[in-house]
Amino acid sequence: MIQIYTTYEGQNIIDLALQLYGNPQAFFMLLDDNPTLSLDQEIAAGTEVRYDPDKVDIRDYPLIKYFKNKLPQAVIVKTGN
């Protein structure tokens, strides 16, 4: 079932994949569901991002539970840029 996540300042597609799917490599699923997003851009705060939690088995990704307990604090991976 498709759900909507509203982004925070400084988030990118990798941050969202980690927060929503528990796996930064799941960015391709977000790109499939959100064709206006890009791998190489920061996403504007307040952007509504579609995601489907049924696409992954969360038992394989305990980070999802960890990050959900941290909401509404956003996950932002610092890349050094």
PDB file of N, CA and C in Angstrom:
ATOM      1  N   MET A   1       0.840  -1.178   0.000  1.00  0.00           N
ATOM      2  CA  MET A   1       0.000   0.000   0.000  1.00  0.00           C
ATOM      3  C   MET A   1       0.889   1.247   0.000  1.00  0.00           C
ATOM      4  N   ILE A   2       0.680   2.107  -0.947  1.00  0.00           N
ATOM      5  CA  ILE A   2       1.480   3.316  -1.083  1.00  0.00           C
ATOM      6  C   ILE A   2       1.201   4.264   0.084  1.00  0.00           C
ATOM      7  N   GLN A   3       2.280   4.802   0.641  1.00  0.00           N
ATOM      8  CA  GLN A   3       2.183   5.794   1.705  1.00  0.00           C
ATOM      9  C   GLN A   3       2.969   7.030   1.285  1.00  0.00           C
ATOM     10  N   ILE A   4       2.741   8.115   2.012  1.00  0.00           N
ATOM     11  CA  ILE A   4       3.405   9.386   1.710  1.00  0.00           C
ATOM     12  C   ILE A   4       4.289   9.775   2.891  1.00  0.00           C
ATOM     13  N   TYR A   5       5.510  10.172   2.585  1.00  0.00           N
ATOM     14  CA  TYR A   5       6.447  10.692   3.577  1.00  0.00           C
ATOM     15  C   TYR A   5       6.801  12.111   3.156  1.00  0.00           C
ATOM     16  N   THR A   6       6.769  13.046   4.094  1.00  0.00           N
ATOM     17  CA  THR A   6       7.137  14.430   3.814  1.00  0.00           C
ATOM     18  C   THR A   6       8.572  14.658   4.271  1.00  0.00           C
ATOM     19  N   THR A   7       9.397  15.119   3.355  1.00  0.00           N
ATOM     20  CA  THR A   7      10.835  15.247   3.609  1.00  0.00           C
ATOM     21  C   THR A   7      11.172  16.438   4.497  1.00  0.00           C
ATOM     22  N   TYR A   8      12.373  16.360   5.068  1.00  0.00           N
ATOM     23  CA  TYR A   8      12.943  17.417   5.887  1.00  0.00           C
ATOM     24  C   TYR A   8      14.119  18.040   5.132  1.00  0.00           C
ATOM     25  N   GLU A   9      14.522  19.213   5.559  1.00  0.00           N
ATOM     26  CA  GLU A   9      15.644  19.900   4.928  1.00  0.00           C
ATOM     27  C   GLU A   9      16.911  19.048   4.991  1.00  0.00           C
ATOM     28  N   GLY A  10      17.592  18.939   3.869  1.00  0.00           N
ATOM     29  CA  GLY A  10      18.870  18.243   3.813  1.00  0.00           C
ATOM     30  C   GLY A  10      18.795  16.779   3.432  1.00  0.00           C
ATOM     31  N   GLN A  11      17.601  16.236   3.265  1.00  0.00           N
ATOM     32  CA  GLN A  11      17.499  14.811   2.928  1.00  0.00           C
ATOM     33  C   GLN A  11      17.714  14.576   1.441  1.00  0.00           C
ATOM     34  N   ASN A  12      18.278  13.413   1.131  1.00  0.00           N
ATOM     35  CA  ASN A  12      18.414  12.979  -0.257  1.00  0.00           C
ATOM     36  C   ASN A  12      17.811  11.580  -0.385  1.00  0.00           C
ATOM     37  N   ILE A  13      17.869  11.010  -1.545  1.00  0.00           N
ATOM     38  CA  ILE A  13      17.203   9.731  -1.819  1.00  0.00           C
ATOM     39  C   ILE A  13      17.800   8.582  -0.994  1.00  0.00           C
ATOM     40  N   ILE A  14      19.092   8.635  -0.718  1.00  0.00           N
ATOM     41  CA  ILE A  14      19.741   7.597   0.091  1.00  0.00           C
ATOM     42  C   ILE A  14      19.242   7.671   1.532  1.00  0.00           C
ATOM     43  N   ASP A  15      19.126   8.892   2.068  1.00  0.00           N
ATOM     44  CA  ASP A  15      18.577   9.082   3.412  1.00  0.00           C
ATOM     45  C   ASP A  15      17.180   8.466   3.516  1.00  0.00           C
ATOM     46  N   LEU A  16      16.362   8.749   2.506  1.00  0.00           N
ATOM     47  CA  LEU A  16      14.993   8.249   2.523  1.00  0.00           C
ATOM     48  C   LEU A  16      14.945   6.732   2.418  1.00  0.00           C
ATOM     49  N   ALA A  17      15.786   6.158   1.587  1.00  0.00           N
ATOM     50  CA  ALA A  17      15.820   4.699   1.458  1.00  0.00           C
ATOM     51  C   ALA A  17      16.189   4.054   2.788  1.00  0.00           C
ATOM     52  N   LEU A  18      17.144   4.632   3.482  1.00  0.00           N
ATOM     53  CA  LEU A  18      17.561   4.120   4.782  1.00  0.00           C
ATOM     54  C   LEU A  18      16.440   4.263   5.804  1.00  0.00           C
ATOM     55  N   GLN A  19      15.805   5.421   5.823  1.00  0.00           N
ATOM     56  CA  GLN A  19      14.757   5.667   6.808  1.00  0.00           C
ATOM     57  C   GLN A  19      13.487   4.862   6.523  1.00  0.00           C
ATOM     58  N   LEU A  20      13.074   4.783   5.276  1.00  0.00           N
ATOM     59  CA  LEU A  20      11.789   4.173   4.952  1.00  0.00           C
ATOM     60  C   LEU A  20      11.865   2.675   4.695  1.00  0.00           C
ATOM     61  N   TYR A  21      13.015   2.217   4.157  1.00  0.00           N
ATOM     62  CA  TYR A  21      13.154   0.799   3.828  1.00  0.00           C
ATOM     63  C   TYR A  21      14.234   0.097   4.643  1.00  0.00           C
ATOM     64  N   GLY A  22      15.006   0.860   5.421  1.00  0.00           N
ATOM     65  CA  GLY A  22      16.039   0.252   6.250  1.00  0.00           C
ATOM     66  C   GLY A  22      17.255  -0.206   5.482  1.00  0.00           C
ATOM     67  N   ASN A  23      17.359   0.230   4.241  1.00  0.00           N
ATOM     68  CA  ASN A  23      18.449  -0.211   3.379  1.00  0.00           C
ATOM     69  C   ASN A  23      18.748   0.907   2.375  1.00  0.00           C
ATOM     70  N   PRO A  24      19.922   1.501   2.445  1.00  0.00           N
ATOM     71  CA  PRO A  24      20.220   2.588   1.509  1.00  0.00           C
ATOM     72  C   PRO A  24      20.210   2.145   0.047  1.00  0.00           C
ATOM     73  N   GLN A  25      20.380   0.847  -0.195  1.00  0.00           N
ATOM     74  CA  GLN A  25      20.365   0.350  -1.572  1.00  0.00           C
ATOM     75  C   GLN A  25      18.953   0.283  -2.154  1.00  0.00           C
ATOM     76  N   ALA A  26      17.947   0.559  -1.337  1.00  0.00           N
ATOM     77  CA  ALA A  26      16.559   0.540  -1.811  1.00  0.00           C
ATOM     78  C   ALA A  26      16.169   1.849  -2.498  1.00  0.00           C
ATOM     79  N   PHE A  27      17.156   2.715  -2.734  1.00  0.00           N
ATOM     80  CA  PHE A  27      16.862   3.992  -3.387  1.00  0.00           C
ATOM     81  C   PHE A  27      16.172   3.799  -4.727  1.00  0.00           C
ATOM     82  N   PHE A  28      16.471   2.695  -5.431  1.00  0.00           N
ATOM     83  CA  PHE A  28      15.883   2.476  -6.747  1.00  0.00           C
ATOM     84  C   PHE A  28      14.368   2.306  -6.661  1.00  0.00           C
ATOM     85  N   MET A  29      13.861   1.759  -5.560  1.00  0.00           N
ATOM     86  CA  MET A  29      12.411   1.626  -5.394  1.00  0.00           C
ATOM     87  C   MET A  29      11.770   3.004  -5.246  1.00  0.00           C
ATOM     88  N   LEU A  30      12.437   3.891  -4.518  1.00  0.00           N
ATOM     89  CA  LEU A  30      11.921   5.250  -4.379  1.00  0.00           C
ATOM     90  C   LEU A  30      11.951   5.994  -5.706  1.00  0.00           C
ATOM     91  N   LEU A  31      13.011   5.791  -6.480  1.00  0.00           N
ATOM     92  CA  LEU A  31      13.092   6.442  -7.788  1.00  0.00           C
ATOM     93  C   LEU A  31      11.997   5.926  -8.724  1.00  0.00           C
ATOM     94  N   ASP A  32      11.685   4.635  -8.638  1.00  0.00           N
ATOM     95  CA  ASP A  32      10.603   4.066  -9.459  1.00  0.00           C
ATOM     96  C   ASP A  32       9.255   4.692  -9.110  1.00  0.00           C
ATOM     97  N   ASP A  33       9.015   4.887  -7.812  1.00  0.00           N
ATOM     98  CA  ASP A  33       7.732   5.411  -7.362  1.00  0.00           C
ATOM     99  C   ASP A  33       7.649   6.941  -7.417  1.00  0.00           C
ATOM    100  N   ASN A  34       8.795   7.593  -7.618  1.00  0.00           N
ATOM    101  CA  ASN A  34       8.862   9.064  -7.632  1.00  0.00           C
ATOM    102  C   ASN A  34       9.747   9.524  -8.777  1.00  0.00           C
ATOM    103  N   PRO A  35       9.245   9.499 -10.003  1.00  0.00           N
ATOM    104  CA  PRO A  35      10.085   9.795 -11.172  1.00  0.00           C
ATOM    105  C   PRO A  35      10.656  11.202 -11.210  1.00  0.00           C
ATOM    106  N   THR A  36      10.151  12.119 -10.390  1.00  0.00           N
ATOM    107  CA  THR A  36      10.694  13.476 -10.393  1.00  0.00           C
ATOM    108  C   THR A  36      11.932  13.594  -9.510  1.00  0.00           C
ATOM    109  N   LEU A  37      12.225  12.573  -8.708  1.00  0.00           N
ATOM    110  CA  LEU A  37      13.405  12.600  -7.843  1.00  0.00           C
ATOM    111  C   LEU A  37      14.628  12.108  -8.598  1.00  0.00           C
ATOM    112  N   SER A  38      15.786  12.471  -8.086  1.00  0.00           N
ATOM    113  CA  SER A  38      17.049  12.107  -8.724  1.00  0.00           C
ATOM    114  C   SER A  38      18.028  11.599  -7.672  1.00  0.00           C
ATOM    115  N   LEU A  39      18.936  10.753  -8.090  1.00  0.00           N
ATOM    116  CA  LEU A  39      19.937  10.199  -7.194  1.00  0.00           C
ATOM    117  C   LEU A  39      20.945  11.256  -6.745  1.00  0.00           C
ATOM    118  N   ASP A  40      21.172  12.263  -7.558  1.00  0.00           N
ATOM    119  CA  ASP A  40      22.231  13.227  -7.268  1.00  0.00           C
ATOM    120  C   ASP A  40      21.753  14.590  -6.768  1.00  0.00           C
ATOM    121  N   GLN A  41      20.525  14.661  -6.269  1.00  0.00           N
ATOM    122  CA  GLN A  41      20.041  15.951  -5.783  1.00  0.00           C
ATOM    123  C   GLN A  41      19.528  15.863  -4.354  1.00  0.00           C
ATOM    124  N   GLU A  42      19.647  16.979  -3.652  1.00  0.00           N
ATOM    125  CA  GLU A  42      19.012  17.099  -2.347  1.00  0.00           C
ATOM    126  C   GLU A  42      17.534  17.374  -2.605  1.00  0.00           C
ATOM    127  N   ILE A  43      16.684  16.781  -1.801  1.00  0.00           N
ATOM    128  CA  ILE A  43      15.252  16.929  -1.994  1.00  0.00           C
ATOM    129  C   ILE A  43      14.763  18.108  -1.158  1.00  0.00           C
ATOM    130  N   ALA A  44      13.962  18.962  -1.747  1.00  0.00           N
ATOM    131  CA  ALA A  44      13.459  20.137  -1.033  1.00  0.00           C
ATOM    132  C   ALA A  44      12.615  19.715   0.165  1.00  0.00           C
ATOM    133  N   ALA A  45      12.787  20.427   1.281  1.00  0.00           N
ATOM    134  CA  ALA A  45      11.978  20.160   2.471  1.00  0.00           C
ATOM    135  C   ALA A  45      10.505  20.315   2.123  1.00  0.00           C
ATOM    136  N   GLY A  46       9.690  19.408   2.637  1.00  0.00           N
ATOM    137  CA  GLY A  46       8.257  19.460   2.383  1.00  0.00           C
ATOM    138  C   GLY A  46       7.813  18.671   1.164  1.00  0.00           C
ATOM    139  N   THR A  47       8.756  18.067   0.440  1.00  0.00           N
ATOM    140  CA  THR A  47       8.407  17.257  -0.722  1.00  0.00           C
ATOM    141  C   THR A  47       7.687  15.993  -0.263  1.00  0.00           C
ATOM    142  N   GLU A  48       6.593  15.666  -0.907  1.00  0.00           N
ATOM    143  CA  GLU A  48       5.874  14.431  -0.587  1.00  0.00           C
ATOM    144  C   GLU A  48       6.430  13.302  -1.440  1.00  0.00           C
ATOM    145  N   VAL A  49       6.934  12.283  -0.772  1.00  0.00           N
ATOM    146  CA  VAL A  49       7.571  11.144  -1.436  1.00  0.00           C
ATOM    147  C   VAL A  49       6.687   9.919  -1.232  1.00  0.00           C
ATOM    148  N   ARG A  50       6.403   9.247  -2.326  1.00  0.00           N
ATOM    149  CA  ARG A  50       5.605   8.018  -2.272  1.00  0.00           C
ATOM    150  C   ARG A  50       6.526   6.836  -2.003  1.00  0.00           C
ATOM    151  N   TYR A  51       6.065   5.930  -1.127  1.00  0.00           N
ATOM    152  CA  TYR A  51       6.815   4.696  -0.880  1.00  0.00           C
ATOM    153  C   TYR A  51       5.846   3.595  -0.492  1.00  0.00           C
ATOM    154  N   ASP A  52       6.269   2.378  -0.690  1.00  0.00           N
ATOM    155  CA  ASP A  52       5.431   1.217  -0.401  1.00  0.00           C
ATOM    156  C   ASP A  52       6.177   0.290   0.555  1.00  0.00           C
ATOM    157  N   PRO A  53       5.829   0.321   1.852  1.00  0.00           N
ATOM    158  CA  PRO A  53       6.537  -0.511   2.822  1.00  0.00           C
ATOM    159  C   PRO A  53       6.361  -2.012   2.564  1.00  0.00           C
ATOM    160  N   ASP A  54       5.374  -2.373   1.759  1.00  0.00           N
ATOM    161  CA  ASP A  54       5.167  -3.787   1.438  1.00  0.00           C
ATOM    162  C   ASP A  54       6.193  -4.321   0.438  1.00  0.00           C
ATOM    163  N   LYS A  55       7.002  -3.441  -0.136  1.00  0.00           N
ATOM    164  CA  LYS A  55       8.011  -3.875  -1.103  1.00  0.00           C
ATOM    165  C   LYS A  55       9.193  -4.579  -0.460  1.00  0.00           C
ATOM    166  N   VAL A  56       9.365  -4.411   0.857  1.00  0.00           N
ATOM    167  CA  VAL A  56      10.470  -5.077   1.548  1.00  0.00           C
ATOM    168  C   VAL A  56       9.930  -5.809   2.762  1.00  0.00           C
ATOM    169  N   ASP A  57      10.620  -6.841   3.152  1.00  0.00           N
ATOM    170  CA  ASP A  57      10.281  -7.588   4.357  1.00  0.00           C
ATOM    171  C   ASP A  57      11.036  -6.941   5.507  1.00  0.00           C
ATOM    172  N   ILE A  58      10.320  -6.206   6.374  1.00  0.00           N
ATOM    173  CA  ILE A  58      11.005  -5.445   7.410  1.00  0.00           C
ATOM    174  C   ILE A  58      11.716  -6.322   8.429  1.00  0.00           C
ATOM    175  N   ARG A  59      11.412  -7.609   8.465  1.00  0.00           N
ATOM    176  CA  ARG A  59      12.153  -8.487   9.375  1.00  0.00           C
ATOM    177  C   ARG A  59      13.622  -8.541   8.984  1.00  0.00           C
ATOM    178  N   ASP A  60      13.909  -8.276   7.719  1.00  0.00           N
ATOM    179  CA  ASP A  60      15.288  -8.270   7.238  1.00  0.00           C
ATOM    180  C   ASP A  60      15.987  -6.939   7.510  1.00  0.00           C
ATOM    181  N   TYR A  61      15.236  -5.922   7.910  1.00  0.00           N
ATOM    182  CA  TYR A  61      15.796  -4.592   8.073  1.00  0.00           C
ATOM    183  C   TYR A  61      15.376  -3.979   9.408  1.00  0.00           C
ATOM    184  N   PRO A  62      16.020  -4.383  10.497  1.00  0.00           N
ATOM    185  CA  PRO A  62      15.638  -3.847  11.819  1.00  0.00           C
ATOM    186  C   PRO A  62      15.863  -2.347  11.951  1.00  0.00           C
ATOM    187  N   LEU A  63      16.612  -1.748  11.033  1.00  0.00           N
ATOM    188  CA  LEU A  63      16.823  -0.302  11.092  1.00  0.00           C
ATOM    189  C   LEU A  63      15.521   0.466  10.892  1.00  0.00           C
ATOM    190  N   ILE A  64      14.565  -0.124  10.174  1.00  0.00           N
ATOM    191  CA  ILE A  64      13.293   0.556   9.954  1.00  0.00           C
ATOM    192  C   ILE A  64      12.628   0.856  11.298  1.00  0.00           C
ATOM    193  N   LYS A  65      12.578  -0.146  12.165  1.00  0.00           N
ATOM    194  CA  LYS A  65      11.966   0.057  13.481  1.00  0.00           C
ATOM    195  C   LYS A  65      12.732   1.120  14.263  1.00  0.00           C
ATOM    196  N   TYR A  66      14.028   1.083  14.196  1.00  0.00           N
ATOM    197  CA  TYR A  66      14.846   2.063  14.904  1.00  0.00           C
ATOM    198  C   TYR A  66      14.522   3.478  14.432  1.00  0.00           C
ATOM    199  N   PHE A  67      14.508   3.686  13.118  1.00  0.00           N
ATOM    200  CA  PHE A  67      14.272   5.022  12.595  1.00  0.00           C
ATOM    201  C   PHE A  67      12.838   5.477  12.800  1.00  0.00           C
ATOM    202  N   LYS A  68      11.867   4.568  12.727  1.00  0.00           N
ATOM    203  CA  LYS A  68      10.479   4.947  12.967  1.00  0.00           C
ATOM    204  C   LYS A  68      10.296   5.459  14.394  1.00  0.00           C
ATOM    205  N   ASN A  69      11.054   4.908  15.341  1.00  0.00           N
ATOM    206  CA  ASN A  69      10.983   5.379  16.720  1.00  0.00           C
ATOM    207  C   ASN A  69      11.598   6.763  16.876  1.00  0.00           C
ATOM    208  N   LYS A  70      12.392   7.199  15.915  1.00  0.00           N
ATOM    209  CA  LYS A  70      13.054   8.505  15.967  1.00  0.00           C
ATOM    210  C   LYS A  70      12.221   9.604  15.306  1.00  0.00           C
ATOM    211  N   LEU A  71      11.173   9.237  14.579  1.00  0.00           N
ATOM    212  CA  LEU A  71      10.368  10.232  13.895  1.00  0.00           C
ATOM    213  C   LEU A  71       9.740  11.176  14.907  1.00  0.00           C
ATOM    214  N   PRO A  72       9.554  12.454  14.608  1.00  0.00           N
ATOM    215  CA  PRO A  72       9.684  13.024  13.266  1.00  0.00           C
ATOM    216  C   PRO A  72      11.094  13.478  12.908  1.00  0.00           C
ATOM    217  N   GLN A  73      12.090  13.097  13.675  1.00  0.00           N
ATOM    218  CA  GLN A  73      13.468  13.462  13.355  1.00  0.00           C
ATOM    219  C   GLN A  73      13.881  12.778  12.062  1.00  0.00           C
ATOM    220  N   ALA A  74      14.414  13.538  11.147  1.00  0.00           N
ATOM    221  CA  ALA A  74      14.789  13.011   9.829  1.00  0.00           C
ATOM    222  C   ALA A  74      16.135  12.310   9.875  1.00  0.00           C
ATOM    223  N   VAL A  75      16.296  11.325   9.025  1.00  0.00           N
ATOM    224  CA  VAL A  75      17.590  10.674   8.821  1.00  0.00           C
ATOM    225  C   VAL A  75      18.321  11.445   7.734  1.00  0.00           C
ATOM    226  N   ILE A  76      19.510  11.918   8.070  1.00  0.00           N
ATOM    227  CA  ILE A  76      20.339  12.622   7.087  1.00  0.00           C
ATOM    228  C   ILE A  76      21.760  12.090   7.217  1.00  0.00           C
ATOM    229  N   VAL A  77      22.228  11.446   6.157  1.00  0.00           N
ATOM    230  CA  VAL A  77      23.577  10.879   6.140  1.00  0.00           C
ATOM    231  C   VAL A  77      24.535  11.969   5.660  1.00  0.00           C
ATOM    232  N   LYS A  78      25.524  12.270   6.461  1.00  0.00           N
ATOM    233  CA  LYS A  78      26.501  13.299   6.087  1.00  0.00           C
ATOM    234  C   LYS A  78      27.527  12.687   5.147  1.00  0.00           C
ATOM    235  N   THR A  79      27.694  13.311   3.991  1.00  0.00           N
ATOM    236  CA  THR A  79      28.591  12.780   2.973  1.00  0.00           C
ATOM    237  C   THR A  79      29.903  13.533   2.899  1.00  0.00           C
ATOM    238  N   GLY A  80      30.021  14.603   3.648  1.00  0.00           N
ATOM    239  CA  GLY A  80      31.251  15.380   3.604  1.00  0.00           C
ATOM    240  C   GLY A  80      31.218  16.496   2.590  1.00  0.00           C
ATOM    241  N   ASN A  81      30.117  16.655   1.872  1.00  0.00           N
ATOM    242  CA  ASN A  81      29.984  17.732   0.893  1.00  0.00           C
ATOM    243  C   ASN A  81      29.511  18.995   1.562  1.00  0.00           C
TER     244      ASN A  81
END
